[in-house]
Protein backbone atom coordinates (compact mmCIF):
# COMPACT_ATOMS: atom_id res chain seq x y z
CA MET A 1 -27.67 -124.25 109.85
CA PRO A 2 -27.02 -123.86 113.58
CA VAL A 3 -26.83 -120.42 115.14
CA LEU A 4 -23.24 -119.52 115.92
CA LYS A 5 -22.47 -117.75 119.18
CA PRO A 6 -20.04 -114.86 118.59
CA MET A 7 -16.86 -114.59 120.64
CA SER A 8 -17.32 -112.12 123.48
CA ASP A 9 -14.85 -109.32 124.10
CA ALA A 10 -13.83 -111.04 127.35
CA MET A 11 -13.12 -114.32 125.55
CA ALA A 12 -11.13 -112.51 122.85
CA GLU A 13 -9.07 -110.63 125.43
CA GLN A 14 -8.37 -113.82 127.36
CA TYR A 15 -7.28 -115.54 124.15
CA MET A 16 -5.08 -112.58 123.23
CA GLN A 17 -3.41 -112.63 126.63
CA ILE A 18 -2.65 -116.35 126.30
CA VAL A 19 -1.27 -115.94 122.78
CA PHE A 20 0.87 -112.94 123.70
CA GLU A 21 2.30 -114.68 126.77
CA THR A 22 2.94 -117.92 124.88
CA MET A 23 4.73 -116.11 122.07
CA ASP A 24 6.45 -113.67 124.46
CA LEU A 25 4.99 -110.70 122.56
CA THR A 26 4.73 -107.14 123.75
CA VAL A 27 1.86 -105.34 122.00
CA ASP A 28 1.19 -101.60 121.99
CA ALA A 29 -2.11 -100.92 123.75
CA ALA A 30 -3.28 -98.85 120.76
CA TRP A 31 -3.36 -102.04 118.66
CA LEU A 32 -5.42 -104.13 121.10
CA PRO A 33 -8.90 -103.16 119.80
CA GLU A 34 -7.94 -104.09 116.22
CA ILE A 35 -6.32 -107.35 117.30
CA ARG A 36 -9.41 -108.23 119.36
CA ASN A 37 -11.59 -107.50 116.32
CA TYR A 38 -9.41 -109.76 114.16
CA PHE A 39 -9.69 -112.65 116.63
CA LYS A 40 -13.47 -112.22 116.82
CA ILE A 41 -13.77 -112.29 113.02
CA SER A 42 -11.48 -115.32 112.79
CA ALA A 43 -13.50 -117.16 115.44
CA ARG A 44 -16.72 -116.41 113.56
CA LEU A 45 -15.26 -117.74 110.29
CA ALA A 46 -13.93 -120.84 112.04
CA GLY A 47 -17.39 -121.43 113.51
CA ILE A 48 -18.92 -121.30 110.04
CA LEU A 49 -16.40 -123.84 108.76
CA GLU A 50 -17.11 -126.15 111.70
CA THR A 51 -20.78 -126.40 110.67
CA TYR A 52 -19.86 -128.24 107.46
CA PRO A 53 -18.97 -131.89 107.99
CA ILE A 54 -15.96 -133.06 106.01
CA ALA A 55 -15.20 -136.73 105.67
CA ILE A 56 -11.62 -137.59 106.57
CA THR A 57 -11.23 -139.18 103.12
CA GLU A 58 -11.93 -135.92 101.26
CA ASP A 59 -9.04 -133.88 99.91
CA LEU A 60 -9.11 -130.37 101.33
CA ALA A 61 -7.16 -128.92 98.43
CA PRO A 62 -5.56 -130.20 95.24
CA VAL A 63 -1.96 -131.27 95.54
CA PHE A 64 0.46 -129.48 93.23
CA ARG A 65 2.76 -131.81 91.36
CA PRO A 66 5.14 -130.27 88.81
């Protein structure tokens, strides 16, 4: 398995700024460390998922049919 490079604080803050501006959000400064932590965890989990190849023909989840 390849070694995954964690998201740096600077990258997380840049991403947060882009998201907040795009969504026209005003965020209390007290929440910024927790939001940055969430984005870093999410990026790490996404990196893990990217290491597993999935064929385009595979179903990602079962389809519910009543």
